Amino acid sequence: MDAAIMLIMAVYAVIGGLSTLYLLFSMPAVFAWKCYRKAKYHIALSN
């Protein structure tokens, strides 16, 4: 029983870590893409 709980906790820790890494890298990438579009095509940042 105790080993099963530890395994479930480890799986959830990996899932949480992967989603955090995704957000860590995707948010600056989206912001950089919006800044690129603003500079090249003069599109508003909110679009």
C-alpha atoms as a PDB file:
ATOM      1  CA  MET A   1       0.000   0.000   0.000  1.00  0.00           C
ATOM      2  CA  ASP A   2       2.754   2.429   0.940  1.00  0.00           C
ATOM      3  CA  ALA A   3       4.732   1.684  -2.231  1.00  0.00           C
ATOM      4  CA  ALA A   4       1.652   2.316  -4.377  1.00  0.00           C
ATOM      5  CA  ILE A   5       1.126   5.705  -2.768  1.00  0.00           C
ATOM      6  CA  MET A   6       4.768   6.625  -3.342  1.00  0.00           C
ATOM      7  CA  LEU A   7       4.487   5.564  -6.988  1.00  0.00           C
ATOM      8  CA  ILE A   8       1.370   7.682  -7.481  1.00  0.00           C
ATOM      9  CA  MET A   9       3.108  10.657  -5.848  1.00  0.00           C
ATOM     10  CA  ALA A  10       6.119  10.219  -8.136  1.00  0.00           C
ATOM     11  CA  VAL A  11       3.910  10.102 -11.227  1.00  0.00           C
ATOM     12  CA  TYR A  12       2.104  13.278 -10.193  1.00  0.00           C
ATOM     13  CA  ALA A  13       5.427  14.989  -9.457  1.00  0.00           C
ATOM     14  CA  VAL A  14       6.651  14.183 -12.982  1.00  0.00           C
ATOM     15  CA  ILE A  15       3.389  15.419 -14.521  1.00  0.00           C
ATOM     16  CA  GLY A  16       3.587  18.651 -12.528  1.00  0.00           C
ATOM     17  CA  GLY A  17       7.216  19.170 -13.451  1.00  0.00           C
ATOM     18  CA  LEU A  18       6.577  18.659 -17.159  1.00  0.00           C
ATOM     19  CA  SER A  19       3.665  21.096 -17.219  1.00  0.00           C
ATOM     20  CA  THR A  20       5.768  23.662 -15.357  1.00  0.00           C
ATOM     21  CA  LEU A  21       8.616  23.287 -17.858  1.00  0.00           C
ATOM     22  CA  TYR A  22       6.163  23.677 -20.738  1.00  0.00           C
ATOM     23  CA  LEU A  23       4.876  26.958 -19.316  1.00  0.00           C
ATOM     24  CA  LEU A  24       8.388  28.128 -18.507  1.00  0.00           C
ATOM     25  CA  PHE A  25       9.471  27.828 -22.142  1.00  0.00           C
ATOM     26  CA  SER A  26       6.233  28.543 -24.019  1.00  0.00           C
ATOM     27  CA  MET A  27       5.310  31.883 -22.426  1.00  0.00           C
ATOM     28  CA  PRO A  28       8.562  33.666 -23.377  1.00  0.00           C
ATOM     29  CA  ALA A  29       8.364  32.084 -26.847  1.00  0.00           C
ATOM     30  CA  VAL A  30       4.862  33.471 -27.403  1.00  0.00           C
ATOM     31  CA  PHE A  31       5.940  36.899 -26.153  1.00  0.00           C
ATOM     32  CA  ALA A  32       8.974  36.876 -28.460  1.00  0.00           C
ATOM     33  CA  TRP A  33       6.778  35.846 -31.398  1.00  0.00           C
ATOM     34  CA  LYS A  34       4.362  38.708 -30.659  1.00  0.00           C
ATOM     35  CA  CYS A  35       7.248  41.188 -30.471  1.00  0.00           C
ATOM     36  CA  TYR A  36       8.596  39.879 -33.785  1.00  0.00           C
ATOM     37  CA  ARG A  37       5.204  40.326 -35.450  1.00  0.00           C
ATOM     38  CA  LYS A  38       4.913  43.814 -33.948  1.00  0.00           C
ATOM     39  CA  ALA A  39       8.305  44.829 -35.349  1.00  0.00           C
ATOM     40  CA  LYS A  40       7.898  43.242 -38.779  1.00  0.00           C
ATOM     41  CA  TYR A  41       4.198  43.620 -39.596  1.00  0.00           C
ATOM     42  CA  HIS A  42       3.129  46.415 -37.166  1.00  0.00           C
ATOM     43  CA  ILE A  43       0.467  44.191 -35.618  1.00  0.00           C
ATOM     44  CA  ALA A  44      -0.782  45.017 -32.115  1.00  0.00           C
ATOM     45  CA  LEU A  45       0.605  42.844 -29.296  1.00  0.00           C
ATOM     46  CA  SER A  46      -2.894  41.950 -28.127  1.00  0.00           C
ATOM     47  CA  ASN A  47      -3.765  40.094 -31.356  1.00  0.00           C
END
